[in-house]
Amino acid sequence: MGIDELGLIGAAIAVGLGAAVLPVFVNAEVYVVAIGATVNSRPFLALLIVIHVIATTIGKAFVFQLARKGTNKIRMVEPR
């Protein structure tokens, strides 16, 4: 596995996490279409998409937990 493949794997993780946290600015569907148009190896393309899906799921779980418990930790005044 060369540096190009590692770069594409890193990009898949970064775009997956970015699409989960900032979906307005990072579009996961555009990434998948662009990577599908540029990668020639079908097994490697499938691997990239699976890595991207896992990273997006982890990012969404983080956002869910932040929305669920994060507001209580940020709040300075305790509710009465």
PDB file of N, CA and C in Angstrom:
ATOM      1  N   MET A   1       0.862  -1.175   0.000  1.00  0.00           N
ATOM      2  CA  MET A   1       0.000   0.000   0.000  1.00  0.00           C
ATOM      3  C   MET A   1       0.902   1.229   0.000  1.00  0.00           C
ATOM      4  N   GLY A   2       0.728   2.059  -1.007  1.00  0.00           N
ATOM      5  CA  GLY A   2       1.569   3.229  -1.159  1.00  0.00           C
ATOM      6  C   GLY A   2       1.018   4.447  -0.446  1.00  0.00           C
ATOM      7  N   ILE A   3       1.727   5.521  -0.599  1.00  0.00           N
ATOM      8  CA  ILE A   3       1.348   6.775   0.046  1.00  0.00           C
ATOM      9  C   ILE A   3       0.065   7.351  -0.556  1.00  0.00           C
ATOM     10  N   ASP A   4      -0.171   7.069  -1.834  1.00  0.00           N
ATOM     11  CA  ASP A   4      -1.403   7.541  -2.464  1.00  0.00           C
ATOM     12  C   ASP A   4      -2.635   6.879  -1.862  1.00  0.00           C
ATOM     13  N   GLU A   5      -2.539   5.573  -1.645  1.00  0.00           N
ATOM     14  CA  GLU A   5      -3.670   4.856  -1.049  1.00  0.00           C
ATOM     15  C   GLU A   5      -3.917   5.300   0.388  1.00  0.00           C
ATOM     16  N   LEU A   6      -2.830   5.514   1.145  1.00  0.00           N
ATOM     17  CA  LEU A   6      -2.988   5.987   2.519  1.00  0.00           C
ATOM     18  C   LEU A   6      -3.597   7.390   2.549  1.00  0.00           C
ATOM     19  N   GLY A   7      -3.223   8.209   1.586  1.00  0.00           N
ATOM     20  CA  GLY A   7      -3.810   9.542   1.491  1.00  0.00           C
ATOM     21  C   GLY A   7      -5.304   9.491   1.197  1.00  0.00           C
ATOM     22  N   LEU A   8      -5.695   8.577   0.323  1.00  0.00           N
ATOM     23  CA  LEU A   8      -7.118   8.429   0.016  1.00  0.00           C
ATOM     24  C   LEU A   8      -7.901   7.885   1.205  1.00  0.00           C
ATOM     25  N   ILE A   9      -7.286   6.981   1.976  1.00  0.00           N
ATOM     26  CA  ILE A   9      -7.938   6.469   3.177  1.00  0.00           C
ATOM     27  C   ILE A   9      -8.085   7.587   4.204  1.00  0.00           C
ATOM     28  N   GLY A  10      -7.041   8.389   4.380  1.00  0.00           N
ATOM     29  CA  GLY A  10      -7.116   9.528   5.293  1.00  0.00           C
ATOM     30  C   GLY A  10      -8.166  10.532   4.863  1.00  0.00           C
ATOM     31  N   ALA A  11      -8.260  10.761   3.565  1.00  0.00           N
ATOM     32  CA  ALA A  11      -9.284  11.679   3.053  1.00  0.00           C
ATOM     33  C   ALA A  11     -10.682  11.124   3.290  1.00  0.00           C
ATOM     34  N   ALA A  12     -10.849   9.809   3.155  1.00  0.00           N
ATOM     35  CA  ALA A  12     -12.152   9.199   3.404  1.00  0.00           C
ATOM     36  C   ALA A  12     -12.561   9.379   4.860  1.00  0.00           C
ATOM     37  N   ILE A  13     -11.610   9.222   5.769  1.00  0.00           N
ATOM     38  CA  ILE A  13     -11.904   9.413   7.187  1.00  0.00           C
ATOM     39  C   ILE A  13     -12.214  10.877   7.468  1.00  0.00           C
ATOM     40  N   ALA A  14     -11.404  11.778   6.935  1.00  0.00           N
ATOM     41  CA  ALA A  14     -11.604  13.217   7.183  1.00  0.00           C
ATOM     42  C   ALA A  14     -12.935  13.706   6.625  1.00  0.00           C
ATOM     43  N   VAL A  15     -13.272  13.296   5.425  1.00  0.00           N
ATOM     44  CA  VAL A  15     -14.529  13.728   4.824  1.00  0.00           C
ATOM     45  C   VAL A  15     -15.709  13.102   5.557  1.00  0.00           C
ATOM     46  N   GLY A  16     -15.571  11.860   6.001  1.00  0.00           N
ATOM     47  CA  GLY A  16     -16.639  11.216   6.759  1.00  0.00           C
ATOM     48  C   GLY A  16     -16.918  11.936   8.063  1.00  0.00           C
ATOM     49  N   LEU A  17     -15.866  12.250   8.808  1.00  0.00           N
ATOM     50  CA  LEU A  17     -16.050  12.980  10.066  1.00  0.00           C
ATOM     51  C   LEU A  17     -16.544  14.401   9.813  1.00  0.00           C
ATOM     52  N   GLY A  18     -16.001  15.032   8.788  1.00  0.00           N
ATOM     53  CA  GLY A  18     -16.429  16.390   8.459  1.00  0.00           C
ATOM     54  C   GLY A  18     -17.880  16.452   8.017  1.00  0.00           C
ATOM     55  N   ALA A  19     -18.310  15.472   7.263  1.00  0.00           N
ATOM     56  CA  ALA A  19     -19.703  15.440   6.807  1.00  0.00           C
ATOM     57  C   ALA A  19     -20.655  15.188   7.962  1.00  0.00           C
ATOM     58  N   ALA A  20     -20.188  14.490   8.985  1.00  0.00           N
ATOM     59  CA  ALA A  20     -21.042  14.240  10.152  1.00  0.00           C
ATOM     60  C   ALA A  20     -21.167  15.474  11.019  1.00  0.00           C
ATOM     61  N   VAL A  21     -20.067  16.191  11.199  1.00  0.00           N
ATOM     62  CA  VAL A  21     -20.065  17.348  12.091  1.00  0.00           C
ATOM     63  C   VAL A  21     -20.564  18.610  11.387  1.00  0.00           C
ATOM     64  N   LEU A  22     -20.157  18.821  10.159  1.00  0.00           N
ATOM     65  CA  LEU A  22     -20.543  20.013   9.398  1.00  0.00           C
ATOM     66  C   LEU A  22     -21.173  19.619   8.056  1.00  0.00           C
ATOM     67  N   PRO A  23     -22.389  19.100   8.077  1.00  0.00           N
ATOM     68  CA  PRO A  23     -22.970  18.592   6.826  1.00  0.00           C
ATOM     69  C   PRO A  23     -23.278  19.679   5.800  1.00  0.00           C
ATOM     70  N   VAL A  24     -23.376  20.918   6.229  1.00  0.00           N
ATOM     71  CA  VAL A  24     -23.666  21.998   5.284  1.00  0.00           C
ATOM     72  C   VAL A  24     -22.449  22.287   4.406  1.00  0.00           C
ATOM     73  N   PHE A  25     -21.248  22.165   4.986  1.00  0.00           N
ATOM     74  CA  PHE A  25     -20.034  22.533   4.269  1.00  0.00           C
ATOM     75  C   PHE A  25     -19.328  21.355   3.607  1.00  0.00           C
ATOM     76  N   VAL A  26     -19.504  20.160   4.139  1.00  0.00           N
ATOM     77  CA  VAL A  26     -18.854  18.966   3.597  1.00  0.00           C
ATOM     78  C   VAL A  26     -19.945  17.999   3.156  1.00  0.00           C
ATOM     79  N   ASN A  27     -19.997  17.716   1.872  1.00  0.00           N
ATOM     80  CA  ASN A  27     -21.046  16.869   1.330  1.00  0.00           C
ATOM     81  C   ASN A  27     -20.500  15.476   1.055  1.00  0.00           C
ATOM     82  N   ALA A  28     -21.037  14.489   1.759  1.00  0.00           N
ATOM     83  CA  ALA A  28     -20.553  13.117   1.630  1.00  0.00           C
ATOM     84  C   ALA A  28     -20.879  12.527   0.262  1.00  0.00           C
ATOM     85  N   GLU A  29     -22.033  12.851  -0.277  1.00  0.00           N
ATOM     86  CA  GLU A  29     -22.429  12.286  -1.568  1.00  0.00           C
ATOM     87  C   GLU A  29     -21.519  12.763  -2.692  1.00  0.00           C
ATOM     88  N   VAL A  30     -21.137  14.029  -2.659  1.00  0.00           N
ATOM     89  CA  VAL A  30     -20.231  14.559  -3.681  1.00  0.00           C
ATOM     90  C   VAL A  30     -18.880  13.861  -3.590  1.00  0.00           C
ATOM     91  N   TYR A  31     -18.421  13.606  -2.364  1.00  0.00           N
ATOM     92  CA  TYR A  31     -17.151  12.893  -2.184  1.00  0.00           C
ATOM     93  C   TYR A  31     -17.221  11.496  -2.783  1.00  0.00           C
ATOM     94  N   VAL A  32     -18.302  10.771  -2.516  1.00  0.00           N
ATOM     95  CA  VAL A  32     -18.420   9.396  -3.018  1.00  0.00           C
ATOM     96  C   VAL A  32     -18.457   9.384  -4.547  1.00  0.00           C
ATOM     97  N   VAL A  33     -19.165  10.311  -5.142  1.00  0.00           N
ATOM     98  CA  VAL A  33     -19.212  10.380  -6.612  1.00  0.00           C
ATOM     99  C   VAL A  33     -17.839  10.731  -7.177  1.00  0.00           C
ATOM    100  N   ALA A  34     -17.151  11.692  -6.550  1.00  0.00           N
ATOM    101  CA  ALA A  34     -15.833  12.098  -7.041  1.00  0.00           C
ATOM    102  C   ALA A  34     -14.812  10.971  -6.894  1.00  0.00           C
ATOM    103  N   ILE A  35     -14.834  10.283  -5.784  1.00  0.00           N
ATOM    104  CA  ILE A  35     -13.874   9.196  -5.584  1.00  0.00           C
ATOM    105  C   ILE A  35     -14.206   8.017  -6.507  1.00  0.00           C
ATOM    106  N   GLY A  36     -15.489   7.810  -6.776  1.00  0.00           N
ATOM    107  CA  GLY A  36     -15.884   6.756  -7.710  1.00  0.00           C
ATOM    108  C   GLY A  36     -15.431   7.041  -9.128  1.00  0.00           C
ATOM    109  N   ALA A  37     -15.334   8.316  -9.469  1.00  0.00           N
ATOM    110  CA  ALA A  37     -14.899   8.688 -10.812  1.00  0.00           C
ATOM    111  C   ALA A  37     -13.379   8.640 -10.970  1.00  0.00           C
ATOM    112  N   THR A  38     -12.642   8.677  -9.852  1.00  0.00           N
ATOM    113  CA  THR A  38     -11.191   8.762  -9.961  1.00  0.00           C
ATOM    114  C   THR A  38     -10.451   7.464  -9.627  1.00  0.00           C
ATOM    115  N   VAL A  39     -11.051   6.594  -8.822  1.00  0.00           N
ATOM    116  CA  VAL A  39     -10.366   5.354  -8.423  1.00  0.00           C
ATOM    117  C   VAL A  39     -10.691   4.261  -9.429  1.00  0.00           C
ATOM    118  N   ASN A  40      -9.655   3.574  -9.904  1.00  0.00           N
ATOM    119  CA  ASN A  40      -9.838   2.544 -10.926  1.00  0.00           C
ATOM    120  C   ASN A  40     -10.129   1.171 -10.346  1.00  0.00           C
ATOM    121  N   SER A  41      -9.626   0.877  -9.165  1.00  0.00           N
ATOM    122  CA  SER A  41      -9.766  -0.450  -8.565  1.00  0.00           C
ATOM    123  C   SER A  41     -11.087  -0.551  -7.801  1.00  0.00           C
ATOM    124  N   ARG A  42     -11.939  -1.461  -8.227  1.00  0.00           N
ATOM    125  CA  ARG A  42     -13.236  -1.622  -7.569  1.00  0.00           C
ATOM    126  C   ARG A  42     -13.124  -2.093  -6.117  1.00  0.00           C
ATOM    127  N   PRO A  43     -12.249  -3.058  -5.797  1.00  0.00           N
ATOM    128  CA  PRO A  43     -12.140  -3.451  -4.381  1.00  0.00           C
ATOM    129  C   PRO A  43     -11.649  -2.307  -3.497  1.00  0.00           C
ATOM    130  N   PHE A  44     -10.703  -1.519  -3.997  1.00  0.00           N
ATOM    131  CA  PHE A  44     -10.214  -0.384  -3.217  1.00  0.00           C
ATOM    132  C   PHE A  44     -11.281   0.689  -3.091  1.00  0.00           C
ATOM    133  N   LEU A  45     -12.086   0.885  -4.120  1.00  0.00           N
ATOM    134  CA  LEU A  45     -13.195   1.828  -4.056  1.00  0.00           C
ATOM    135  C   LEU A  45     -14.206   1.397  -3.003  1.00  0.00           C
ATOM    136  N   ALA A  46     -14.510   0.101  -2.969  1.00  0.00           N
ATOM    137  CA  ALA A  46     -15.434  -0.417  -1.959  1.00  0.00           C
ATOM    138  C   ALA A  46     -14.855  -0.219  -0.559  1.00  0.00           C
ATOM    139  N   LEU A  47     -13.561  -0.442  -0.393  1.00  0.00           N
ATOM    140  CA  LEU A  47     -12.913  -0.226   0.896  1.00  0.00           C
ATOM    141  C   LEU A  47     -13.004   1.240   1.312  1.00  0.00           C
ATOM    142  N   LEU A  48     -12.752   2.152   0.379  1.00  0.00           N
ATOM    143  CA  LEU A  48     -12.853   3.579   0.688  1.00  0.00           C
ATOM    144  C   LEU A  48     -14.259   3.969   1.110  1.00  0.00           C
ATOM    145  N   ILE A  49     -15.250   3.432   0.438  1.00  0.00           N
ATOM    146  CA  ILE A  49     -16.634   3.767   0.776  1.00  0.00           C
ATOM    147  C   ILE A  49     -17.004   3.202   2.136  1.00  0.00           C
ATOM    148  N   VAL A  50     -16.554   1.997   2.454  1.00  0.00           N
ATOM    149  CA  VAL A  50     -16.833   1.413   3.771  1.00  0.00           C
ATOM    150  C   VAL A  50     -16.144   2.222   4.871  1.00  0.00           C
ATOM    151  N   ILE A  51     -14.902   2.622   4.648  1.00  0.00           N
ATOM    152  CA  ILE A  51     -14.196   3.461   5.625  1.00  0.00           C
ATOM    153  C   ILE A  51     -14.916   4.789   5.801  1.00  0.00           C
ATOM    154  N   HIS A  52     -15.369   5.353   4.712  1.00  0.00           N
ATOM    155  CA  HIS A  52     -16.111   6.623   4.761  1.00  0.00           C
ATOM    156  C   HIS A  52     -17.410   6.468   5.561  1.00  0.00           C
ATOM    157  N   VAL A  53     -18.123   5.385   5.351  1.00  0.00           N
ATOM    158  CA  VAL A  53     -19.373   5.140   6.075  1.00  0.00           C
ATOM    159  C   VAL A  53     -19.103   4.953   7.564  1.00  0.00           C
ATOM    160  N   ILE A  54     -18.058   4.224   7.910  1.00  0.00           N
ATOM    161  CA  ILE A  54     -17.720   4.024   9.322  1.00  0.00           C
ATOM    162  C   ILE A  54     -17.345   5.348   9.977  1.00  0.00           C
ATOM    163  N   ALA A  55     -16.544   6.164   9.299  1.00  0.00           N
ATOM    164  CA  ALA A  55     -16.161   7.461   9.857  1.00  0.00           C
ATOM    165  C   ALA A  55     -17.374   8.371  10.019  1.00  0.00           C
ATOM    166  N   THR A  56     -18.292   8.346   9.070  1.00  0.00           N
ATOM    167  CA  THR A  56     -19.506   9.162   9.180  1.00  0.00           C
ATOM    168  C   THR A  56     -20.364   8.690  10.347  1.00  0.00           C
ATOM    169  N   THR A  57     -20.458   7.385  10.543  1.00  0.00           N
ATOM    170  CA  THR A  57     -21.230   6.842  11.658  1.00  0.00           C
ATOM    171  C   THR A  57     -20.620   7.244  12.991  1.00  0.00           C
ATOM    172  N   ILE A  58     -19.306   7.178  13.106  1.00  0.00           N
ATOM    173  CA  ILE A  58     -18.638   7.596  14.334  1.00  0.00           C
ATOM    174  C   ILE A  58     -18.865   9.084  14.580  1.00  0.00           C
ATOM    175  N   GLY A  59     -18.777   9.885  13.532  1.00  0.00           N
ATOM    176  CA  GLY A  59     -19.024  11.320  13.670  1.00  0.00           C
ATOM    177  C   GLY A  59     -20.452  11.623  14.079  1.00  0.00           C
ATOM    178  N   LYS A  60     -21.409  10.926  13.510  1.00  0.00           N
ATOM    179  CA  LYS A  60     -22.813  11.133  13.877  1.00  0.00           C
ATOM    180  C   LYS A  60     -23.083  10.705  15.312  1.00  0.00           C
ATOM    181  N   ALA A  61     -22.434   9.621  15.766  1.00  0.00           N
ATOM    182  CA  ALA A  61     -22.582   9.195  17.160  1.00  0.00           C
ATOM    183  C   ALA A  61     -22.014  10.250  18.098  1.00  0.00           C
ATOM    184  N   PHE A  62     -20.903  10.864  17.720  1.00  0.00           N
ATOM    185  CA  PHE A  62     -20.321  11.944  18.517  1.00  0.00           C
ATOM    186  C   PHE A  62     -21.262  13.139  18.584  1.00  0.00           C
ATOM    187  N   VAL A  63     -21.839  13.527  17.459  1.00  0.00           N
ATOM    188  CA  VAL A  63     -22.779  14.647  17.438  1.00  0.00           C
ATOM    189  C   VAL A  63     -24.015  14.329  18.265  1.00  0.00           C
ATOM    190  N   PHE A  64     -24.502  13.101  18.197  1.00  0.00           N
ATOM    191  CA  PHE A  64     -25.664  12.694  18.981  1.00  0.00           C
ATOM    192  C   PHE A  64     -25.358  12.790  20.476  1.00  0.00           C
ATOM    193  N   GLN A  65     -24.208  12.275  20.901  1.00  0.00           N
ATOM    194  CA  GLN A  65     -23.849  12.341  22.314  1.00  0.00           C
ATOM    195  C   GLN A  65     -23.633  13.781  22.768  1.00  0.00           C
ATOM    196  N   LEU A  66     -23.062  14.598  21.928  1.00  0.00           N
ATOM    197  CA  LEU A  66     -22.866  16.005  22.262  1.00  0.00           C
ATOM    198  C   LEU A  66     -24.203  16.713  22.427  1.00  0.00           C
ATOM    199  N   ALA A  67     -25.137  16.418  21.549  1.00  0.00           N
ATOM    200  CA  ALA A  67     -26.461  17.035  21.652  1.00  0.00           C
ATOM    201  C   ALA A  67     -27.223  16.496  22.853  1.00  0.00           C
ATOM    202  N   ARG A  68     -26.992  15.252  23.203  1.00  0.00           N
ATOM    203  CA  ARG A  68     -27.717  14.635  24.306  1.00  0.00           C
ATOM    204  C   ARG A  68     -27.188  15.060  25.668  1.00  0.00           C
ATOM    205  N   LYS A  69     -25.876  15.076  25.841  1.00  0.00           N
ATOM    206  CA  LYS A  69     -25.295  15.354  27.146  1.00  0.00           C
ATOM    207  C   LYS A  69     -24.472  16.630  27.183  1.00  0.00           C
ATOM    208  N   GLY A  70     -24.086  17.140  26.054  1.00  0.00           N
ATOM    209  CA  GLY A  70     -23.174  18.276  26.021  1.00  0.00           C
ATOM    210  C   GLY A  70     -23.767  19.564  26.546  1.00  0.00           C
ATOM    211  N   THR A  71     -25.059  19.765  26.379  1.00  0.00           N
ATOM    212  CA  THR A  71     -25.649  21.030  26.820  1.00  0.00           C
ATOM    213  C   THR A  71     -25.644  21.146  28.331  1.00  0.00           C
ATOM    214  N   ASN A  72     -25.758  20.057  29.051  1.00  0.00           N
ATOM    215  CA  ASN A  72     -25.709  20.109  30.510  1.00  0.00           C
ATOM    216  C   ASN A  72     -24.308  20.452  31.012  1.00  0.00           C
ATOM    217  N   LYS A  73     -23.299  20.053  30.301  1.00  0.00           N
ATOM    218  CA  LYS A  73     -21.932  20.341  30.718  1.00  0.00           C
ATOM    219  C   LYS A  73     -21.514  21.759  30.350  1.00  0.00           C
ATOM    220  N   ILE A  74     -22.107  22.321  29.320  1.00  0.00           N
ATOM    221  CA  ILE A  74     -21.775  23.682  28.900  1.00  0.00           C
ATOM    222  C   ILE A  74     -22.516  24.712  29.743  1.00  0.00           C
ATOM    223  N   ARG A  75     -23.703  24.388  30.157  1.00  0.00           N
ATOM    224  CA  ARG A  75     -24.528  25.324  30.891  1.00  0.00           C
ATOM    225  C   ARG A  75     -23.852  25.759  32.194  1.00  0.00           C
ATOM    226  N   MET A  76     -23.807  27.078  32.447  1.00  0.00           N
ATOM    227  CA  MET A  76     -23.162  27.586  33.643  1.00  0.00           C
ATOM    228  C   MET A  76     -24.102  27.629  34.841  1.00  0.00           C
ATOM    229  N   VAL A  77     -25.373  27.837  34.604  1.00  0.00           N
ATOM    230  CA  VAL A  77     -26.335  27.947  35.686  1.00  0.00           C
ATOM    231  C   VAL A  77     -27.136  26.651  35.739  1.00  0.00           C
ATOM    232  N   GLU A  78     -27.224  26.092  36.926  1.00  0.00           N
ATOM    233  CA  GLU A  78     -27.995  24.866  37.112  1.00  0.00           C
ATOM    234  C   GLU A  78     -29.493  25.175  37.045  1.00  0.00           C
ATOM    235  N   PRO A  79     -30.273  24.330  36.364  1.00  0.00           N
ATOM    236  CA  PRO A  79     -31.726  24.561  36.333  1.00  0.00           C
ATOM    237  C   PRO A  79     -32.342  24.345  37.707  1.00  0.00           C
ATOM    238  N   ARG A  80     -33.415  25.091  37.985  1.00  0.00           N
ATOM    239  CA  ARG A  80     -34.088  24.987  39.287  1.00  0.00           C
ATOM    240  C   ARG A  80     -35.154  23.959  39.265  1.00  0.00           C
TER     241      ARG A  80
END
